[in-house]
């Protein structure tokens, strides 16, 4: 795993995307957050979240990567991996 500072930065940025896409500023995500934890997070909003995250970080996930994420933390680690590969 990347250092905690980088991961915390990504989680904060992803949290802002969740707030924006799901139109709920009260949502607070953390590493362990899953779809079951957020009422507004359904299959349709999931697509909007992924698209917004990809645009924000200028990355692309494969369908398999998206399916394999078990929680927000794994997705954020995936973001860091993609960003590391762009350098």
PDB file of N, CA and C in Angstrom:
ATOM      1  N   UNK A   1       0.844  -1.192   0.000  1.00  0.00           N
ATOM      2  CA  UNK A   1       0.000   0.000   0.000  1.00  0.00           C
ATOM      3  C   UNK A   1       0.884   1.247   0.000  1.00  0.00           C
ATOM      4  N   UNK A   2       0.398   2.288  -0.644  1.00  0.00           N
ATOM      5  CA  UNK A   2       1.098   3.570  -0.660  1.00  0.00           C
ATOM      6  C   UNK A   2       1.065   4.164   0.740  1.00  0.00           C
ATOM      7  N   UNK A   3       1.792   5.244   0.937  1.00  0.00           N
ATOM      8  CA  UNK A   3       1.800   5.810   2.274  1.00  0.00           C
ATOM      9  C   UNK A   3       0.437   6.383   2.644  1.00  0.00           C
ATOM     10  N   UNK A   4       0.194   6.443   3.938  1.00  0.00           N
ATOM     11  CA  UNK A   4      -1.117   6.851   4.445  1.00  0.00           C
ATOM     12  C   UNK A   4      -1.504   8.267   4.044  1.00  0.00           C
ATOM     13  N   UNK A   5      -0.536   9.153   3.921  1.00  0.00           N
ATOM     14  CA  UNK A   5      -0.828  10.534   3.551  1.00  0.00           C
ATOM     15  C   UNK A   5      -1.459  10.604   2.160  1.00  0.00           C
ATOM     16  N   UNK A   6      -0.873   9.874   1.204  1.00  0.00           N
ATOM     17  CA  UNK A   6      -1.421   9.836  -0.152  1.00  0.00           C
ATOM     18  C   UNK A   6      -2.816   9.221  -0.148  1.00  0.00           C
ATOM     19  N   UNK A   7      -2.974   8.115   0.587  1.00  0.00           N
ATOM     20  CA  UNK A   7      -4.265   7.435   0.640  1.00  0.00           C
ATOM     21  C   UNK A   7      -5.320   8.332   1.278  1.00  0.00           C
ATOM     22  N   UNK A   8      -4.979   9.009   2.353  1.00  0.00           N
ATOM     23  CA  UNK A   8      -5.928   9.922   2.997  1.00  0.00           C
ATOM     24  C   UNK A   8      -6.330  11.063   2.077  1.00  0.00           C
ATOM     25  N   UNK A   9      -5.377  11.577   1.300  1.00  0.00           N
ATOM     26  CA  UNK A   9      -5.680  12.634   0.332  1.00  0.00           C
ATOM     27  C   UNK A   9      -6.697  12.129  -0.706  1.00  0.00           C
ATOM     28  N   UNK A  10      -6.465  10.933  -1.231  1.00  0.00           N
ATOM     29  CA  UNK A  10      -7.360  10.371  -2.244  1.00  0.00           C
ATOM     30  C   UNK A  10      -8.741  10.122  -1.641  1.00  0.00           C
ATOM     31  N   UNK A  11      -8.795   9.589  -0.432  1.00  0.00           N
ATOM     32  CA  UNK A  11     -10.084   9.340   0.213  1.00  0.00           C
ATOM     33  C   UNK A  11     -10.851  10.650   0.393  1.00  0.00           C
ATOM     34  N   UNK A  12     -10.167  11.715   0.793  1.00  0.00           N
ATOM     35  CA  UNK A  12     -10.833  13.019   0.945  1.00  0.00           C
ATOM     36  C   UNK A  12     -11.378  13.519  -0.390  1.00  0.00           C
ATOM     37  N   UNK A  13     -10.576  13.387  -1.430  1.00  0.00           N
ATOM     38  CA  UNK A  13     -11.007  13.841  -2.754  1.00  0.00           C
ATOM     39  C   UNK A  13     -12.187  12.997  -3.257  1.00  0.00           C
ATOM     40  N   UNK A  14     -12.134  11.691  -3.023  1.00  0.00           N
ATOM     41  CA  UNK A  14     -13.236  10.801  -3.414  1.00  0.00           C
ATOM     42  C   UNK A  14     -14.479  11.127  -2.587  1.00  0.00           C
ATOM     43  N   UNK A  15     -14.305  11.473  -1.313  1.00  0.00           N
ATOM     44  CA  UNK A  15     -15.448  11.847  -0.472  1.00  0.00           C
ATOM     45  C   UNK A  15     -16.169  13.056  -1.064  1.00  0.00           C
ATOM     46  N   UNK A  16     -15.414  14.037  -1.541  1.00  0.00           N
ATOM     47  CA  UNK A  16     -16.019  15.224  -2.155  1.00  0.00           C
ATOM     48  C   UNK A  16     -16.803  14.830  -3.411  1.00  0.00           C
ATOM     49  N   UNK A  17     -16.294  13.864  -4.157  1.00  0.00           N
ATOM     50  CA  UNK A  17     -16.989  13.389  -5.352  1.00  0.00           C
ATOM     51  C   UNK A  17     -18.290  12.691  -4.949  1.00  0.00           C
ATOM     52  N   UNK A  18     -18.249  11.867  -3.907  1.00  0.00           N
ATOM     53  CA  UNK A  18     -19.462  11.213  -3.402  1.00  0.00           C
ATOM     54  C   UNK A  18     -20.489  12.261  -2.996  1.00  0.00           C
ATOM     55  N   UNK A  19     -20.041  13.289  -2.256  1.00  0.00           N
ATOM     56  CA  UNK A  19     -20.961  14.351  -1.823  1.00  0.00           C
ATOM     57  C   UNK A  19     -21.621  15.017  -3.017  1.00  0.00           C
ATOM     58  N   UNK A  20     -20.837  15.302  -4.038  1.00  0.00           N
ATOM     59  CA  UNK A  20     -21.332  15.992  -5.222  1.00  0.00           C
ATOM     60  C   UNK A  20     -22.280  15.110  -6.039  1.00  0.00           C
ATOM     61  N   UNK A  21     -21.836  13.906  -6.382  1.00  0.00           N
ATOM     62  CA  UNK A  21     -22.622  13.021  -7.245  1.00  0.00           C
ATOM     63  C   UNK A  21     -23.913  12.571  -6.550  1.00  0.00           C
ATOM     64  N   UNK A  22     -23.814  12.252  -5.267  1.00  0.00           N
ATOM     65  CA  UNK A  22     -24.981  11.759  -4.539  1.00  0.00           C
ATOM     66  C   UNK A  22     -25.798  12.889  -3.911  1.00  0.00           C
ATOM     67  N   UNK A  23     -25.340  14.122  -4.127  1.00  0.00           N
ATOM     68  CA  UNK A  23     -26.031  15.323  -3.648  1.00  0.00           C
ATOM     69  C   UNK A  23     -26.363  15.243  -2.159  1.00  0.00           C
ATOM     70  N   UNK A  24     -25.344  14.837  -1.375  1.00  0.00           N
ATOM     71  CA  UNK A  24     -25.523  14.728   0.071  1.00  0.00           C
ATOM     72  C   UNK A  24     -24.194  15.069   0.745  1.00  0.00           C
ATOM     73  N   UNK A  25     -24.121  16.267   1.312  1.00  0.00           N
ATOM     74  CA  UNK A  25     -22.880  16.712   1.956  1.00  0.00           C
ATOM     75  C   UNK A  25     -22.636  16.039   3.300  1.00  0.00           C
ATOM     76  N   UNK A  26     -23.608  15.260   3.791  1.00  0.00           N
ATOM     77  CA  UNK A  26     -23.443  14.572   5.075  1.00  0.00           C
ATOM     78  C   UNK A  26     -22.719  13.235   4.939  1.00  0.00           C
ATOM     79  N   UNK A  27     -22.508  12.774   3.705  1.00  0.00           N
ATOM     80  CA  UNK A  27     -21.822  11.493   3.502  1.00  0.00           C
ATOM     81  C   UNK A  27     -20.350  11.651   3.876  1.00  0.00           C
ATOM     82  N   UNK A  28     -19.901  10.773   4.738  1.00  0.00           N
ATOM     83  CA  UNK A  28     -18.492  10.717   5.137  1.00  0.00           C
ATOM     84  C   UNK A  28     -18.010   9.295   4.888  1.00  0.00           C
ATOM     85  N   UNK A  29     -17.130   9.129   3.919  1.00  0.00           N
ATOM     86  CA  UNK A  29     -16.611   7.805   3.607  1.00  0.00           C
ATOM     87  C   UNK A  29     -15.292   7.588   4.326  1.00  0.00           C
ATOM     88  N   UNK A  30     -14.925   6.318   4.460  1.00  0.00           N
ATOM     89  CA  UNK A  30     -13.609   5.946   4.968  1.00  0.00           C
ATOM     90  C   UNK A  30     -13.158   4.702   4.213  1.00  0.00           C
ATOM     91  N   UNK A  31     -12.043   4.148   4.610  1.00  0.00           N
ATOM     92  CA  UNK A  31     -11.466   3.008   3.898  1.00  0.00           C
ATOM     93  C   UNK A  31     -12.457   1.852   3.770  1.00  0.00           C
ATOM     94  N   UNK A  32     -13.199   1.571   4.839  1.00  0.00           N
ATOM     95  CA  UNK A  32     -14.071   0.400   4.882  1.00  0.00           C
ATOM     96  C   UNK A  32     -15.459   0.632   4.292  1.00  0.00           C
ATOM     97  N   UNK A  33     -15.806   1.847   3.875  1.00  0.00           N
ATOM     98  CA  UNK A  33     -17.148   2.144   3.372  1.00  0.00           C
ATOM     99  C   UNK A  33     -17.483   1.268   2.159  1.00  0.00           C
ATOM    100  N   UNK A  34     -18.702   0.700   2.187  1.00  0.00           N
ATOM    101  CA  UNK A  34     -19.190  -0.100   1.065  1.00  0.00           C
ATOM    102  C   UNK A  34     -20.534   0.457   0.611  1.00  0.00           C
ATOM    103  N   UNK A  35     -21.028  -0.085  -0.484  1.00  0.00           N
ATOM    104  CA  UNK A  35     -22.311   0.344  -1.046  1.00  0.00           C
ATOM    105  C   UNK A  35     -23.438   0.176  -0.012  1.00  0.00           C
ATOM    106  N   UNK A  36     -23.318  -0.798   0.871  1.00  0.00           N
ATOM    107  CA  UNK A  36     -24.351  -1.044   1.883  1.00  0.00           C
ATOM    108  C   UNK A  36     -24.440   0.078   2.917  1.00  0.00           C
ATOM    109  N   UNK A  37     -23.383   0.882   3.019  1.00  0.00           N
ATOM    110  CA  UNK A  37     -23.325   1.936   4.039  1.00  0.00           C
ATOM    111  C   UNK A  37     -23.992   3.240   3.611  1.00  0.00           C
ATOM    112  N   UNK A  38     -24.278   3.399   2.318  1.00  0.00           N
ATOM    113  CA  UNK A  38     -24.784   4.678   1.807  1.00  0.00           C
ATOM    114  C   UNK A  38     -26.067   4.428   1.012  1.00  0.00           C
ATOM    115  N   UNK A  39     -27.183   4.932   1.535  1.00  0.00           N
ATOM    116  CA  UNK A  39     -28.493   4.702   0.909  1.00  0.00           C
ATOM    117  C   UNK A  39     -28.555   5.165  -0.536  1.00  0.00           C
ATOM    118  N   UNK A  40     -27.945   6.314  -0.832  1.00  0.00           N
ATOM    119  CA  UNK A  40     -28.029   6.899  -2.176  1.00  0.00           C
ATOM    120  C   UNK A  40     -27.178   6.154  -3.215  1.00  0.00           C
ATOM    121  N   UNK A  41     -26.312   5.261  -2.763  1.00  0.00           N
ATOM    122  CA  UNK A  41     -25.364   4.575  -3.644  1.00  0.00           C
ATOM    123  C   UNK A  41     -26.026   3.332  -4.234  1.00  0.00           C
ATOM    124  N   UNK A  42     -26.610   3.481  -5.420  1.00  0.00           N
ATOM    125  CA  UNK A  42     -27.225   2.353  -6.109  1.00  0.00           C
ATOM    126  C   UNK A  42     -26.473   2.098  -7.413  1.00  0.00           C
ATOM    127  N   UNK A  43     -26.987   1.195  -8.228  1.00  0.00           N
ATOM    128  CA  UNK A  43     -26.257   0.817  -9.446  1.00  0.00           C
ATOM    129  C   UNK A  43     -26.105   1.986 -10.418  1.00  0.00           C
ATOM    130  N   UNK A  44     -27.121   2.823 -10.510  1.00  0.00           N
ATOM    131  CA  UNK A  44     -27.040   3.969 -11.415  1.00  0.00           C
ATOM    132  C   UNK A  44     -26.055   5.023 -10.898  1.00  0.00           C
ATOM    133  N   UNK A  45     -26.140   5.331  -9.617  1.00  0.00           N
ATOM    134  CA  UNK A  45     -25.212   6.318  -9.058  1.00  0.00           C
ATOM    135  C   UNK A  45     -23.787   5.783  -9.044  1.00  0.00           C
ATOM    136  N   UNK A  46     -23.635   4.458  -8.984  1.00  0.00           N
ATOM    137  CA  UNK A  46     -22.297   3.854  -9.011  1.00  0.00           C
ATOM    138  C   UNK A  46     -21.591   4.213 -10.317  1.00  0.00           C
ATOM    139  N   UNK A  47     -22.323   4.136 -11.413  1.00  0.00           N
ATOM    140  CA  UNK A  47     -21.746   4.494 -12.719  1.00  0.00           C
ATOM    141  C   UNK A  47     -21.325   5.965 -12.722  1.00  0.00           C
ATOM    142  N   UNK A  48     -22.201   6.829 -12.214  1.00  0.00           N
ATOM    143  CA  UNK A  48     -21.876   8.265 -12.153  1.00  0.00           C
ATOM    144  C   UNK A  48     -20.666   8.512 -11.261  1.00  0.00           C
ATOM    145  N   UNK A  49     -20.567   7.782 -10.159  1.00  0.00           N
ATOM    146  CA  UNK A  49     -19.416   7.934  -9.255  1.00  0.00           C
ATOM    147  C   UNK A  49     -18.124   7.526  -9.961  1.00  0.00           C
ATOM    148  N   UNK A  50     -18.141   6.380 -10.620  1.00  0.00           N
ATOM    149  CA  UNK A  50     -16.936   5.898 -11.304  1.00  0.00           C
ATOM    150  C   UNK A  50     -16.507   6.884 -12.394  1.00  0.00           C
ATOM    151  N   UNK A  51     -17.464   7.361 -13.182  1.00  0.00           N
ATOM    152  CA  UNK A  51     -17.143   8.318 -14.252  1.00  0.00           C
ATOM    153  C   UNK A  51     -16.548   9.596 -13.656  1.00  0.00           C
ATOM    154  N   UNK A  52     -17.135  10.100 -12.593  1.00  0.00           N
ATOM    155  CA  UNK A  52     -16.624  11.323 -11.961  1.00  0.00           C
ATOM    156  C   UNK A  52     -15.236  11.117 -11.368  1.00  0.00           C
ATOM    157  N   UNK A  53     -15.026   9.957 -10.758  1.00  0.00           N
ATOM    158  CA  UNK A  53     -13.704   9.658 -10.181  1.00  0.00           C
ATOM    159  C   UNK A  53     -12.665   9.555 -11.289  1.00  0.00           C
ATOM    160  N   UNK A  54     -13.012   8.861 -12.380  1.00  0.00           N
ATOM    161  CA  UNK A  54     -12.074   8.735 -13.496  1.00  0.00           C
ATOM    162  C   UNK A  54     -11.738  10.101 -14.088  1.00  0.00           C
ATOM    163  N   UNK A  55     -12.736  10.955 -14.266  1.00  0.00           N
ATOM    164  CA  UNK A  55     -12.482  12.298 -14.797  1.00  0.00           C
ATOM    165  C   UNK A  55     -11.616  13.117 -13.848  1.00  0.00           C
ATOM    166  N   UNK A  56     -11.949  13.072 -12.574  1.00  0.00           N
ATOM    167  CA  UNK A  56     -11.243  13.871 -11.582  1.00  0.00           C
ATOM    168  C   UNK A  56      -9.764  13.504 -11.490  1.00  0.00           C
ATOM    169  N   UNK A  57      -9.476  12.205 -11.544  1.00  0.00           N
ATOM    170  CA  UNK A  57      -8.088  11.745 -11.412  1.00  0.00           C
ATOM    171  C   UNK A  57      -7.423  11.490 -12.764  1.00  0.00           C
ATOM    172  N   UNK A  58      -8.184  11.679 -13.849  1.00  0.00           N
ATOM    173  CA  UNK A  58      -7.686  11.442 -15.211  1.00  0.00           C
ATOM    174  C   UNK A  58      -7.106  10.036 -15.361  1.00  0.00           C
ATOM    175  N   UNK A  59      -7.927   9.050 -14.952  1.00  0.00           N
ATOM    176  CA  UNK A  59      -7.551   7.637 -15.047  1.00  0.00           C
ATOM    177  C   UNK A  59      -8.712   6.879 -15.670  1.00  0.00           C
ATOM    178  N   UNK A  60      -8.501   5.601 -15.953  1.00  0.00           N
ATOM    179  CA  UNK A  60      -9.554   4.715 -16.455  1.00  0.00           C
ATOM    180  C   UNK A  60      -9.442   3.378 -15.726  1.00  0.00           C
ATOM    181  N   UNK A  61     -10.563   2.912 -15.190  1.00  0.00           N
ATOM    182  CA  UNK A  61     -10.620   1.583 -14.605  1.00  0.00           C
ATOM    183  C   UNK A  61     -11.177   0.607 -15.627  1.00  0.00           C
ATOM    184  N   UNK A  62     -10.738  -0.643 -15.562  1.00  0.00           N
ATOM    185  CA  UNK A  62     -11.357  -1.687 -16.377  1.00  0.00           C
ATOM    186  C   UNK A  62     -12.620  -2.146 -15.648  1.00  0.00           C
ATOM    187  N   UNK A  63     -13.510  -2.805 -16.372  1.00  0.00           N
ATOM    188  CA  UNK A  63     -14.732  -3.338 -15.753  1.00  0.00           C
ATOM    189  C   UNK A  63     -14.370  -4.321 -14.640  1.00  0.00           C
ATOM    190  N   UNK A  64     -13.343  -5.130 -14.860  1.00  0.00           N
ATOM    191  CA  UNK A  64     -12.911  -6.106 -13.846  1.00  0.00           C
ATOM    192  C   UNK A  64     -12.421  -5.399 -12.592  1.00  0.00           C
ATOM    193  N   UNK A  65     -11.639  -4.347 -12.749  1.00  0.00           N
ATOM    194  CA  UNK A  65     -11.162  -3.606 -11.581  1.00  0.00           C
ATOM    195  C   UNK A  65     -12.342  -3.069 -10.769  1.00  0.00           C
ATOM    196  N   UNK A  66     -13.301  -2.492 -11.455  1.00  0.00           N
ATOM    197  CA  UNK A  66     -14.467  -1.925 -10.773  1.00  0.00           C
ATOM    198  C   UNK A  66     -15.217  -3.016 -10.025  1.00  0.00           C
ATOM    199  N   UNK A  67     -15.392  -4.166 -10.636  1.00  0.00           N
ATOM    200  CA  UNK A  67     -16.085  -5.288 -10.001  1.00  0.00           C
ATOM    201  C   UNK A  67     -15.333  -5.807  -8.788  1.00  0.00           C
ATOM    202  N   UNK A  68     -14.015  -5.790  -8.836  1.00  0.00           N
ATOM    203  CA  UNK A  68     -13.205  -6.386  -7.777  1.00  0.00           C
ATOM    204  C   UNK A  68     -13.090  -5.519  -6.520  1.00  0.00           C
ATOM    205  N   UNK A  69     -13.385  -4.217  -6.623  1.00  0.00           N
ATOM    206  CA  UNK A  69     -13.289  -3.358  -5.443  1.00  0.00           C
ATOM    207  C   UNK A  69     -14.315  -3.794  -4.407  1.00  0.00           C
ATOM    208  N   UNK A  70     -13.842  -4.094  -3.191  1.00  0.00           N
ATOM    209  CA  UNK A  70     -14.751  -4.526  -2.129  1.00  0.00           C
ATOM    210  C   UNK A  70     -15.213  -3.360  -1.251  1.00  0.00           C
ATOM    211  N   UNK A  71     -14.450  -2.264  -1.301  1.00  0.00           N
ATOM    212  CA  UNK A  71     -14.798  -1.086  -0.491  1.00  0.00           C
ATOM    213  C   UNK A  71     -14.114   0.147  -1.080  1.00  0.00           C
ATOM    214  N   UNK A  72     -14.404   1.285  -0.484  1.00  0.00           N
ATOM    215  CA  UNK A  72     -13.842   2.551  -0.968  1.00  0.00           C
ATOM    216  C   UNK A  72     -12.314   2.535  -0.876  1.00  0.00           C
ATOM    217  N   UNK A  73     -11.784   1.949   0.177  1.00  0.00           N
ATOM    218  CA  UNK A  73     -10.334   1.907   0.353  1.00  0.00           C
ATOM    219  C   UNK A  73      -9.630   1.199  -0.795  1.00  0.00           C
ATOM    220  N   UNK A  74     -10.182   0.064  -1.222  1.00  0.00           N
ATOM    221  CA  UNK A  74      -9.571  -0.662  -2.338  1.00  0.00           C
ATOM    222  C   UNK A  74      -9.645   0.163  -3.624  1.00  0.00           C
ATOM    223  N   UNK A  75     -10.748   0.879  -3.797  1.00  0.00           N
ATOM    224  CA  UNK A  75     -10.865   1.744  -4.968  1.00  0.00           C
ATOM    225  C   UNK A  75      -9.813   2.860  -4.903  1.00  0.00           C
ATOM    226  N   UNK A  76      -9.618   3.436  -3.734  1.00  0.00           N
ATOM    227  CA  UNK A  76      -8.629   4.515  -3.583  1.00  0.00           C
ATOM    228  C   UNK A  76      -7.213   4.000  -3.797  1.00  0.00           C
ATOM    229  N   UNK A  77      -6.941   2.776  -3.344  1.00  0.00           N
ATOM    230  CA  UNK A  77      -5.627   2.184  -3.620  1.00  0.00           C
ATOM    231  C   UNK A  77      -5.465   1.962  -5.125  1.00  0.00           C
ATOM    232  N   UNK A  78      -6.567   1.579  -5.795  1.00  0.00           N
ATOM    233  CA  UNK A  78      -6.540   1.420  -7.247  1.00  0.00           C
ATOM    234  C   UNK A  78      -6.241   2.736  -7.946  1.00  0.00           C
ATOM    235  N   UNK A  79      -6.805   3.818  -7.427  1.00  0.00           N
ATOM    236  CA  UNK A  79      -6.519   5.154  -7.976  1.00  0.00           C
ATOM    237  C   UNK A  79      -5.037   5.458  -7.843  1.00  0.00           C
ATOM    238  N   UNK A  80      -4.483   5.213  -6.656  1.00  0.00           N
ATOM    239  CA  UNK A  80      -3.054   5.481  -6.446  1.00  0.00           C
ATOM    240  C   UNK A  80      -2.181   4.627  -7.373  1.00  0.00           C
ATOM    241  N   UNK A  81      -2.570   3.382  -7.580  1.00  0.00           N
ATOM    242  CA  UNK A  81      -1.824   2.521  -8.505  1.00  0.00           C
ATOM    243  C   UNK A  81      -1.830   3.095  -9.915  1.00  0.00           C
ATOM    244  N   UNK A  82      -3.020   3.527 -10.355  1.00  0.00           N
ATOM    245  CA  UNK A  82      -3.139   4.118 -11.705  1.00  0.00           C
ATOM    246  C   UNK A  82      -2.297   5.379 -11.811  1.00  0.00           C
ATOM    247  N   UNK A  83      -2.345   6.213 -10.773  1.00  0.00           N
ATOM    248  CA  UNK A  83      -1.575   7.459 -10.800  1.00  0.00           C
ATOM    249  C   UNK A  83      -0.091   7.172 -10.807  1.00  0.00           C
ATOM    250  N   UNK A  84       0.330   6.165 -10.092  1.00  0.00           N
ATOM    251  CA  UNK A  84       1.742   5.763 -10.063  1.00  0.00           C
ATOM    252  C   UNK A  84       2.231   5.274 -11.403  1.00  0.00           C
ATOM    253  N   UNK A  85       1.336   4.610 -12.138  1.00  0.00           N
ATOM    254  CA  UNK A  85       1.692   4.078 -13.451  1.00  0.00           C
ATOM    255  C   UNK A  85       1.741   5.162 -14.521  1.00  0.00           C
ATOM    256  N   UNK A  86       1.139   6.328 -14.245  1.00  0.00           N
ATOM    257  CA  UNK A  86       1.122   7.430 -15.233  1.00  0.00           C
ATOM    258  C   UNK A  86       2.421   8.221 -15.225  1.00  0.00           C
ATOM    259  N   UNK A  87       3.200   8.090 -14.151  1.00  0.00           N
ATOM    260  CA  UNK A  87       4.418   8.908 -14.013  1.00  0.00           C
ATOM    261  C   UNK A  87       5.501   8.460 -14.965  1.00  0.00           C
TER     262      UNK A  87
END
